[in-house]
N, C-alpha and C. Protein backbone atom coordinates (compact mmCIF):
# COMPACT_ATOMS: atom_id res chain seq x y z
N UNK A 1 54.03 167.96 39.24
CA UNK A 1 54.78 166.97 40.00
C UNK A 1 54.00 166.49 41.20
N UNK A 2 53.98 165.30 41.49
CA UNK A 2 53.36 164.77 42.69
C UNK A 2 54.39 164.73 43.79
N UNK A 3 54.05 164.96 45.03
CA UNK A 3 54.90 164.79 46.14
C UNK A 3 54.25 163.78 47.08
N UNK A 4 55.10 162.91 47.56
CA UNK A 4 54.56 161.85 48.57
C UNK A 4 54.21 162.66 49.83
N UNK A 5 53.18 162.28 50.41
CA UNK A 5 52.74 162.80 51.78
C UNK A 5 53.77 162.32 52.79
N UNK A 6 54.12 163.27 53.56
CA UNK A 6 55.08 162.93 54.74
C UNK A 6 54.21 162.11 55.81
N UNK A 7 54.78 161.04 56.20
CA UNK A 7 54.11 160.29 57.33
C UNK A 7 54.52 160.92 58.54
N UNK A 8 53.62 161.63 59.24
CA UNK A 8 53.84 162.53 60.41
C UNK A 8 54.34 161.68 61.62
N UNK A 9 54.12 160.44 61.66
CA UNK A 9 54.65 159.58 62.65
C UNK A 9 56.09 159.40 62.68
N UNK A 10 56.70 159.56 61.46
CA UNK A 10 58.07 159.43 61.34
C UNK A 10 58.94 160.62 61.01
N UNK A 11 58.29 161.84 61.17
CA UNK A 11 58.81 163.15 60.88
C UNK A 11 59.55 163.56 62.16
N UNK A 12 60.84 163.84 62.18
CA UNK A 12 61.57 164.24 63.24
C UNK A 12 61.06 165.58 63.85
N UNK A 13 60.92 165.56 65.21
CA UNK A 13 60.37 166.68 65.95
C UNK A 13 59.00 167.23 65.56
N UNK A 14 58.21 166.24 65.06
CA UNK A 14 56.84 166.62 64.75
C UNK A 14 56.06 166.58 65.98
N UNK A 15 55.07 167.33 65.98
CA UNK A 15 54.24 167.48 67.18
C UNK A 15 52.77 167.83 66.86
N UNK A 16 51.85 167.68 67.81
CA UNK A 16 50.54 168.06 67.70
C UNK A 16 49.63 166.84 67.69
N UNK A 17 48.32 167.19 67.71
CA UNK A 17 47.38 166.07 67.92
C UNK A 17 47.37 165.02 66.83
N UNK A 18 47.47 165.45 65.55
CA UNK A 18 47.49 164.39 64.44
C UNK A 18 48.73 163.50 64.59
N UNK A 19 49.93 163.98 64.66
CA UNK A 19 51.10 163.19 64.91
C UNK A 19 51.01 162.22 66.06
N UNK A 20 50.44 162.65 67.17
CA UNK A 20 50.24 161.84 68.42
C UNK A 20 49.26 160.80 68.05
N UNK A 21 48.11 161.18 67.52
CA UNK A 21 46.99 160.12 67.20
C UNK A 21 47.58 159.02 66.20
N UNK A 22 48.22 159.47 65.18
CA UNK A 22 48.86 158.52 64.21
C UNK A 22 49.82 157.64 64.93
N UNK A 23 50.67 158.06 65.81
CA UNK A 23 51.62 157.32 66.44
C UNK A 23 50.89 156.23 67.40
N UNK A 24 49.91 156.72 68.14
CA UNK A 24 49.22 155.87 69.10
C UNK A 24 48.53 154.75 68.22
N UNK A 25 47.96 155.06 67.06
CA UNK A 25 47.21 154.04 66.26
C UNK A 25 48.27 153.01 65.82
N UNK A 26 49.45 153.37 65.40
CA UNK A 26 50.40 152.33 65.05
C UNK A 26 50.84 151.47 66.25
N UNK A 27 51.03 152.06 67.32
CA UNK A 27 51.45 151.39 68.60
C UNK A 27 50.31 150.50 69.07
N UNK A 28 49.07 150.92 68.94
CA UNK A 28 47.95 150.03 69.29
C UNK A 28 47.96 148.78 68.51
N UNK A 29 48.35 148.90 67.23
CA UNK A 29 48.55 147.75 66.46
C UNK A 29 49.54 146.69 66.85
N UNK A 30 50.70 147.24 67.29
CA UNK A 30 51.78 146.56 67.92
C UNK A 30 51.22 145.84 69.23
N UNK A 31 50.52 146.59 70.02
CA UNK A 31 50.06 146.05 71.24
C UNK A 31 49.08 144.86 71.05
N UNK A 32 48.20 145.02 70.05
CA UNK A 32 47.31 143.99 69.62
C UNK A 32 48.03 142.72 69.11
N UNK A 33 48.94 143.01 68.26
CA UNK A 33 49.81 141.83 67.73
C UNK A 33 50.58 141.16 68.86
N UNK A 34 50.96 141.84 69.78
CA UNK A 34 51.73 141.22 70.84
C UNK A 34 50.86 140.79 72.07
N UNK A 35 49.67 140.87 72.01
CA UNK A 35 48.82 140.52 72.99
C UNK A 35 48.71 141.29 74.21
N UNK A 36 49.11 142.59 74.08
CA UNK A 36 49.06 143.59 75.21
C UNK A 36 47.72 144.28 75.24
N UNK A 37 47.29 144.77 76.41
CA UNK A 37 46.16 145.57 76.51
C UNK A 37 46.31 146.85 75.82
N UNK A 38 45.24 147.40 75.28
CA UNK A 38 45.35 148.59 74.54
C UNK A 38 45.54 149.77 75.58
N UNK A 39 46.56 150.51 75.39
CA UNK A 39 46.94 151.67 76.27
C UNK A 39 46.75 152.95 75.63
N UNK A 40 45.98 153.08 74.50
CA UNK A 40 45.78 154.22 73.60
C UNK A 40 45.38 155.43 74.48
N UNK A 41 44.44 155.30 75.45
CA UNK A 41 43.97 156.47 76.21
C UNK A 41 45.08 156.99 77.08
N UNK A 42 45.72 156.00 77.74
CA UNK A 42 46.78 156.37 78.70
C UNK A 42 47.91 157.07 77.92
N UNK A 43 48.35 156.48 76.81
CA UNK A 43 49.39 157.11 75.95
C UNK A 43 49.05 158.48 75.60
N UNK A 44 47.83 158.80 75.20
CA UNK A 44 47.52 160.10 74.74
C UNK A 44 47.62 161.08 76.08
N UNK A 45 47.11 160.57 77.21
CA UNK A 45 47.19 161.30 78.41
C UNK A 45 48.65 161.67 78.79
N UNK A 46 49.46 160.71 78.58
CA UNK A 46 50.88 160.86 78.87
C UNK A 46 51.47 161.99 78.09
N UNK A 47 51.09 161.95 76.68
CA UNK A 47 51.58 162.91 75.80
C UNK A 47 51.05 164.25 76.10
N UNK A 48 49.85 164.49 76.65
CA UNK A 48 49.34 165.73 77.13
C UNK A 48 50.20 166.19 78.37
N UNK A 49 50.33 165.34 79.34
CA UNK A 49 51.07 165.69 80.53
C UNK A 49 52.53 165.89 80.35
N UNK A 50 53.15 165.15 79.57
CA UNK A 50 54.58 165.26 79.49
C UNK A 50 55.01 166.37 78.52
N UNK A 51 54.26 166.72 77.46
CA UNK A 51 54.80 167.67 76.49
C UNK A 51 53.70 168.47 75.88
N UNK A 52 52.54 168.43 76.29
CA UNK A 52 51.36 169.10 75.57
C UNK A 52 51.37 168.71 74.14
N UNK A 53 51.47 167.37 73.87
CA UNK A 53 51.43 166.81 72.58
C UNK A 53 52.63 167.20 71.74
N UNK A 54 53.68 167.46 72.44
CA UNK A 54 54.90 167.84 71.88
C UNK A 54 55.04 169.40 71.56
N UNK A 55 54.06 170.00 71.99
CA UNK A 55 54.06 171.51 71.68
C UNK A 55 54.71 172.34 72.82
N UNK A 56 55.09 171.79 73.92
CA UNK A 56 55.81 172.52 74.97
C UNK A 56 57.21 172.80 74.46
N UNK A 57 57.75 174.08 74.74
CA UNK A 57 58.94 174.53 74.21
C UNK A 57 60.08 173.65 74.66
N UNK A 58 60.03 172.90 75.75
CA UNK A 58 61.18 172.10 76.16
C UNK A 58 61.19 170.61 75.60
N UNK A 59 60.13 170.32 74.83
CA UNK A 59 59.91 168.88 74.36
C UNK A 59 61.13 168.38 73.65
N UNK A 60 61.69 169.28 72.76
CA UNK A 60 62.79 168.99 71.88
C UNK A 60 64.03 169.70 72.19
N UNK A 61 64.21 169.83 73.42
CA UNK A 61 65.50 170.64 73.91
C UNK A 61 66.78 169.96 73.63
N UNK A 62 67.79 170.80 73.65
CA UNK A 62 69.20 170.33 73.23
C UNK A 62 69.58 169.17 74.00
N UNK A 63 70.13 168.10 73.47
CA UNK A 63 70.67 167.05 74.26
C UNK A 63 69.65 165.95 74.85
N UNK A 64 68.34 166.33 74.60
CA UNK A 64 67.43 165.39 75.14
C UNK A 64 66.52 164.74 73.96
N UNK A 65 66.51 163.46 73.95
CA UNK A 65 65.91 162.86 72.81
C UNK A 65 64.57 162.08 73.17
N UNK A 66 63.94 162.31 74.22
CA UNK A 66 62.78 161.63 74.71
C UNK A 66 61.50 161.80 73.89
N UNK A 67 61.42 162.90 73.07
CA UNK A 67 60.31 163.13 72.21
C UNK A 67 59.10 163.49 72.91
N UNK A 68 57.93 163.34 72.29
CA UNK A 68 56.63 163.71 72.81
C UNK A 68 56.35 163.05 74.19
N UNK A 69 56.69 161.76 74.24
CA UNK A 69 56.45 161.03 75.42
C UNK A 69 57.54 161.16 76.53
N UNK A 70 58.50 161.94 76.21
CA UNK A 70 59.63 162.29 77.13
C UNK A 70 60.20 160.98 77.78
N UNK A 71 60.41 160.13 77.00
CA UNK A 71 61.07 158.73 77.47
C UNK A 71 62.56 158.99 77.71
N UNK A 72 62.91 158.95 78.90
CA UNK A 72 64.33 159.13 79.51
C UNK A 72 65.24 158.14 78.81
N UNK A 73 66.56 158.44 78.80
CA UNK A 73 67.57 157.50 78.19
C UNK A 73 67.47 156.11 78.84
N UNK A 74 67.48 156.06 80.19
CA UNK A 74 67.56 154.89 80.87
C UNK A 74 66.22 154.06 80.69
N UNK A 75 65.07 154.68 80.62
CA UNK A 75 63.88 153.91 80.24
C UNK A 75 63.86 153.41 78.90
N UNK A 76 64.46 154.16 77.98
CA UNK A 76 64.55 153.65 76.55
C UNK A 76 65.46 152.44 76.57
N UNK A 77 66.57 152.47 77.19
CA UNK A 77 67.54 151.41 77.26
C UNK A 77 66.83 150.19 77.80
N UNK A 78 66.00 150.32 78.83
CA UNK A 78 65.24 149.20 79.32
C UNK A 78 64.38 148.51 78.22
N UNK A 79 63.81 149.30 77.31
CA UNK A 79 62.92 148.70 76.26
C UNK A 79 63.77 147.83 75.37
N UNK A 80 65.08 147.85 75.38
CA UNK A 80 65.93 147.08 74.60
C UNK A 80 66.68 145.95 75.23
N UNK A 81 66.41 145.94 76.61
CA UNK A 81 67.14 144.96 77.58
C UNK A 81 66.44 143.60 77.62
N UNK A 82 66.65 142.87 76.44
CA UNK A 82 65.91 141.45 76.46
C UNK A 82 66.52 140.60 77.55
N UNK A 83 67.73 140.68 77.81
CA UNK A 83 68.31 139.81 78.91
C UNK A 83 67.60 140.00 80.23
N UNK A 84 67.30 141.19 80.55
CA UNK A 84 66.52 141.41 81.84
C UNK A 84 64.96 141.17 81.64
N UNK A 85 64.48 141.44 80.41
CA UNK A 85 63.09 141.32 80.18
C UNK A 85 62.79 140.38 79.02
N UNK A 86 62.99 139.15 79.07
CA UNK A 86 62.74 138.23 77.96
C UNK A 86 61.39 138.38 77.24
N UNK A 87 60.35 138.92 77.88
CA UNK A 87 59.08 139.11 77.12
C UNK A 87 59.20 140.17 76.05
N UNK A 88 60.30 140.90 76.05
CA UNK A 88 60.54 142.05 75.01
C UNK A 88 60.71 141.26 73.65
N UNK A 89 61.08 140.02 73.56
CA UNK A 89 61.37 139.33 72.26
C UNK A 89 60.21 139.40 71.44
N UNK A 90 59.00 138.97 72.03
CA UNK A 90 57.80 138.95 71.14
C UNK A 90 57.25 140.48 70.97
N UNK A 91 57.55 141.27 71.88
CA UNK A 91 57.16 142.70 71.52
C UNK A 91 58.09 143.41 70.43
N UNK A 92 59.37 143.01 70.48
CA UNK A 92 60.28 143.55 69.33
C UNK A 92 59.85 142.91 67.96
N UNK A 93 59.35 141.70 68.02
CA UNK A 93 58.92 141.07 66.83
C UNK A 93 57.69 141.70 66.26
N UNK A 94 56.73 142.03 67.12
CA UNK A 94 55.52 142.78 66.80
C UNK A 94 55.84 144.21 66.31
N UNK A 95 56.72 144.83 66.83
CA UNK A 95 57.20 146.16 66.41
C UNK A 95 57.72 146.04 64.94
N UNK A 96 58.61 145.08 64.57
CA UNK A 96 59.13 144.91 63.28
C UNK A 96 58.01 144.63 62.25
N UNK A 97 57.10 143.88 62.63
CA UNK A 97 55.91 143.55 61.79
C UNK A 97 55.05 144.72 61.54
N UNK A 98 54.64 145.39 62.49
CA UNK A 98 53.68 146.39 62.28
C UNK A 98 54.39 147.72 61.71
N UNK A 99 55.59 147.97 61.95
CA UNK A 99 56.35 149.02 61.40
C UNK A 99 56.52 148.88 59.90
N UNK A 100 56.83 147.57 59.64
CA UNK A 100 56.92 147.08 58.15
C UNK A 100 55.61 147.32 57.45
N UNK A 101 54.47 146.92 58.09
CA UNK A 101 53.16 147.12 57.44
C UNK A 101 52.80 148.64 57.27
N UNK A 102 53.59 149.46 58.12
CA UNK A 102 53.31 150.94 57.97
C UNK A 102 54.21 151.48 56.91
N UNK A 103 55.12 150.75 56.36
CA UNK A 103 56.00 151.17 55.31
C UNK A 103 57.32 151.47 55.70
N UNK A 104 57.67 150.97 56.93
CA UNK A 104 58.96 151.24 57.46
C UNK A 104 59.64 149.81 57.83
N UNK A 105 60.23 149.25 56.79
CA UNK A 105 60.74 147.93 56.79
C UNK A 105 62.04 147.85 57.71
N UNK A 106 62.34 146.74 58.14
CA UNK A 106 63.70 146.61 58.75
C UNK A 106 63.86 147.16 60.20
N UNK A 107 62.86 147.38 60.86
CA UNK A 107 62.94 148.04 62.24
C UNK A 107 63.40 146.88 63.10
N UNK A 108 64.61 146.97 63.70
CA UNK A 108 65.03 146.08 64.70
C UNK A 108 65.24 146.97 65.96
N UNK A 109 64.20 146.81 66.86
CA UNK A 109 64.15 147.55 68.01
C UNK A 109 65.56 147.80 68.73
N UNK A 110 66.12 146.60 68.91
CA UNK A 110 67.42 146.55 69.68
C UNK A 110 68.50 147.35 68.93
N UNK A 111 68.29 147.68 67.72
CA UNK A 111 69.38 148.41 67.02
C UNK A 111 68.88 149.93 66.66
N UNK A 112 67.76 150.35 67.31
CA UNK A 112 67.44 151.76 67.22
C UNK A 112 68.13 152.46 68.21
N UNK A 113 68.12 153.84 68.29
CA UNK A 113 68.77 154.63 69.27
C UNK A 113 67.80 155.54 69.86
N UNK A 114 68.11 156.02 70.99
CA UNK A 114 67.31 156.99 71.86
C UNK A 114 66.92 158.08 71.02
N UNK A 115 67.78 158.68 70.15
CA UNK A 115 67.53 159.79 69.19
C UNK A 115 66.38 159.57 68.23
N UNK A 116 66.15 158.34 68.01
CA UNK A 116 64.94 157.93 67.24
C UNK A 116 63.62 158.43 67.86
N UNK A 117 63.60 158.67 69.26
CA UNK A 117 62.47 159.14 69.79
C UNK A 117 62.11 160.50 69.49
N UNK A 118 62.85 161.22 68.65
CA UNK A 118 62.53 162.52 68.27
C UNK A 118 61.41 162.42 67.26
N UNK A 119 61.19 161.23 66.68
CA UNK A 119 60.05 161.02 65.91
C UNK A 119 58.86 160.27 66.74
N UNK A 120 57.66 160.99 66.46
CA UNK A 120 56.49 160.44 67.32
C UNK A 120 56.41 158.96 67.40
N UNK A 121 56.39 158.17 66.28
CA UNK A 121 56.18 156.76 66.37
C UNK A 121 57.17 156.09 67.28
N UNK A 122 58.46 156.46 67.23
CA UNK A 122 59.36 155.85 68.15
C UNK A 122 59.30 156.23 69.53
N UNK A 123 58.98 157.54 69.86
CA UNK A 123 58.76 157.91 71.22
C UNK A 123 57.60 157.28 71.88
N UNK A 124 56.45 157.14 71.05
CA UNK A 124 55.21 156.41 71.56
C UNK A 124 55.59 155.03 71.70
N UNK A 125 56.26 154.30 70.65
CA UNK A 125 56.52 152.96 70.97
C UNK A 125 57.53 152.69 72.09
N UNK A 126 58.34 153.46 72.34
CA UNK A 126 59.34 153.38 73.56
C UNK A 126 58.59 153.47 74.81
N UNK A 127 57.64 154.48 74.76
CA UNK A 127 56.73 154.58 75.92
C UNK A 127 55.80 153.30 76.25
N UNK A 128 55.34 152.79 75.10
CA UNK A 128 54.48 151.55 75.36
C UNK A 128 55.25 150.39 75.68
N UNK A 129 56.38 150.21 75.13
CA UNK A 129 57.34 149.08 75.59
C UNK A 129 57.69 149.21 77.10
N UNK A 130 58.00 150.52 77.39
CA UNK A 130 58.42 150.65 78.79
C UNK A 130 57.22 150.39 79.74
N UNK A 131 55.94 150.81 79.44
CA UNK A 131 54.78 150.45 80.23
C UNK A 131 54.57 148.90 80.24
N UNK A 132 54.99 148.24 79.18
CA UNK A 132 54.78 146.73 79.20
C UNK A 132 55.72 145.99 80.25
N UNK A 133 56.68 146.73 80.64
CA UNK A 133 57.72 146.16 81.61
C UNK A 133 57.17 146.23 83.01
N UNK A 134 56.10 147.13 83.17
CA UNK A 134 55.61 147.30 84.52
C UNK A 134 54.57 146.31 84.95
N UNK A 135 54.90 145.55 86.03
CA UNK A 135 53.80 144.45 86.13
C UNK A 135 52.40 144.92 86.56
N UNK A 136 52.25 146.11 87.16
CA UNK A 136 50.88 146.56 87.47
C UNK A 136 50.12 146.87 86.28
N UNK A 137 48.90 146.39 86.19
CA UNK A 137 48.07 146.89 84.97
C UNK A 137 47.83 148.24 84.98
N UNK A 138 47.58 148.84 83.84
CA UNK A 138 47.31 150.26 83.66
C UNK A 138 45.87 150.52 84.06
N UNK A 139 45.52 151.41 84.84
CA UNK A 139 44.16 151.66 85.30
C UNK A 139 43.41 152.53 84.12
N UNK A 140 42.15 152.68 84.28
CA UNK A 140 41.41 153.41 83.38
C UNK A 140 40.91 154.89 83.80
N UNK A 141 40.70 155.00 84.96
CA UNK A 141 40.15 156.26 85.49
C UNK A 141 41.19 157.26 85.42
N UNK A 142 40.93 158.47 85.17
CA UNK A 142 41.97 159.58 85.17
C UNK A 142 42.70 159.72 86.46
N UNK A 143 42.00 159.73 87.58
CA UNK A 143 42.79 159.93 88.89
C UNK A 143 43.74 158.64 89.14
N UNK A 144 43.21 157.45 88.79
CA UNK A 144 44.02 156.28 88.96
C UNK A 144 45.25 156.33 88.03
N UNK A 145 45.03 156.76 86.81
CA UNK A 145 46.26 156.87 85.82
C UNK A 145 47.24 157.92 86.28
N UNK A 146 46.70 159.02 86.89
CA UNK A 146 47.62 160.07 87.31
C UNK A 146 48.56 159.48 88.47
N UNK A 147 48.02 158.76 89.30
CA UNK A 147 48.89 157.95 90.31
C UNK A 147 49.80 156.97 89.70
N UNK A 148 49.33 156.28 88.85
CA UNK A 148 50.14 155.33 88.15
C UNK A 148 51.31 155.89 87.35
N UNK A 149 50.83 156.95 86.65
CA UNK A 149 51.90 157.79 85.82
C UNK A 149 52.98 158.27 86.72
N UNK A 150 52.55 158.80 87.86
CA UNK A 150 53.63 159.41 88.86
C UNK A 150 54.44 158.30 89.47
N UNK A 151 53.95 157.22 89.87
CA UNK A 151 54.72 156.16 90.50
C UNK A 151 55.66 155.44 89.43
N UNK A 152 55.10 155.12 88.29
CA UNK A 152 55.89 154.30 87.42
C UNK A 152 56.57 155.02 86.15
N UNK A 153 55.96 156.10 85.65
CA UNK A 153 56.43 156.63 84.46
C UNK A 153 57.23 157.95 84.77
N UNK A 154 56.60 158.85 85.34
CA UNK A 154 57.29 160.13 85.74
C UNK A 154 58.17 159.90 86.87
N UNK A 155 57.93 158.97 87.67
CA UNK A 155 58.61 158.44 88.91
C UNK A 155 58.61 159.59 90.00
N UNK A 156 58.86 159.13 91.24
CA UNK A 156 58.83 159.98 92.45
C UNK A 156 59.82 161.05 92.23
N UNK A 157 60.95 160.85 91.54
CA UNK A 157 61.94 161.92 91.45
C UNK A 157 61.76 162.97 90.23
N UNK A 158 60.78 162.57 89.45
CA UNK A 158 60.37 163.45 88.34
C UNK A 158 59.58 164.75 88.77
N UNK A 159 59.70 165.72 88.01
CA UNK A 159 59.10 167.03 88.28
C UNK A 159 57.61 167.07 88.24
N UNK A 160 56.93 166.11 87.44
CA UNK A 160 55.57 166.10 87.32
C UNK A 160 54.83 165.70 88.64
N UNK A 161 53.54 166.17 88.64
CA UNK A 161 52.70 165.79 89.82
C UNK A 161 51.32 165.16 89.36
N UNK A 162 50.76 164.40 90.30
CA UNK A 162 49.48 163.87 89.87
C UNK A 162 48.50 164.94 89.45
N UNK A 163 48.46 165.98 90.04
CA UNK A 163 47.65 167.14 89.92
C UNK A 163 47.91 167.65 88.46
N UNK A 164 49.11 167.81 88.02
CA UNK A 164 49.49 168.29 86.70
C UNK A 164 48.91 167.27 85.59
N UNK A 165 49.12 166.00 85.87
CA UNK A 165 48.58 165.09 84.94
C UNK A 165 47.11 165.16 84.69
N UNK A 166 46.43 165.34 85.89
CA UNK A 166 44.99 165.50 85.88
C UNK A 166 44.51 166.85 85.14
N UNK A 167 45.16 167.91 85.41
CA UNK A 167 44.84 169.06 84.84
C UNK A 167 45.08 169.15 83.28
N UNK A 168 46.16 168.43 82.99
CA UNK A 168 46.48 168.34 81.52
C UNK A 168 45.48 167.47 80.69
N UNK A 169 44.65 166.70 81.44
CA UNK A 169 43.82 165.82 80.72
C UNK A 169 42.37 165.99 81.15
N UNK A 170 41.98 166.79 82.19
CA UNK A 170 40.53 166.87 82.61
C UNK A 170 39.53 167.30 81.63
N UNK A 171 39.97 168.20 80.72
CA UNK A 171 39.09 168.76 79.65
C UNK A 171 38.82 167.76 78.61
N UNK A 172 39.48 166.62 78.60
CA UNK A 172 39.31 165.54 77.52
C UNK A 172 38.89 164.19 78.08
N UNK A 173 38.38 164.15 79.35
CA UNK A 173 37.90 162.88 79.86
C UNK A 173 36.80 162.21 79.01
N UNK A 174 35.69 163.01 78.81
CA UNK A 174 34.70 162.52 77.86
C UNK A 174 35.08 162.03 76.58
N UNK A 175 35.95 162.90 75.88
CA UNK A 175 36.49 162.53 74.56
C UNK A 175 37.36 161.31 74.66
N UNK A 176 38.17 161.05 75.56
CA UNK A 176 38.99 159.89 75.84
C UNK A 176 38.21 158.66 75.99
N UNK A 177 37.13 158.83 76.75
CA UNK A 177 36.39 157.54 77.14
C UNK A 177 35.27 157.32 76.16
N UNK A 178 34.97 158.26 75.17
CA UNK A 178 33.92 158.06 74.23
C UNK A 178 34.41 157.32 73.11
């Protein structure tokens, strides 16, 4: 008997490098379709800093659904707030198109829930949509990304520090840039 291979991007509470890379690849396609800059390197760095690619014990803690990218409920809700962010319309259309091409038809972002972020693809997509709402462009250098992450993503009230972001990623700088 043959068994269908599970798509790790859509497996609840899946973690690790492969799941992260697959989710980022899907999200990069959405970014391209929507005319956004590629944020793949930054998304990978966020996943390392926020949850050690989902391997940190608190990634999937009780009552928190932010997933690998640790997208908070309020941030997630902003990714659905088309009234406040009209540019989300084209992004939501790109999500539906690319998710359908990946075999997940009928994805209407405004009808998804925060709990969907327990799947890598949705957590990564929520992170990318949230980043698309920030008017400042994503920098490329690690130190600059650490500052950007702290200011806009982890926020000043978050527990993370720029130093933590750098330390979580410094061993991968050449790999990320290569």
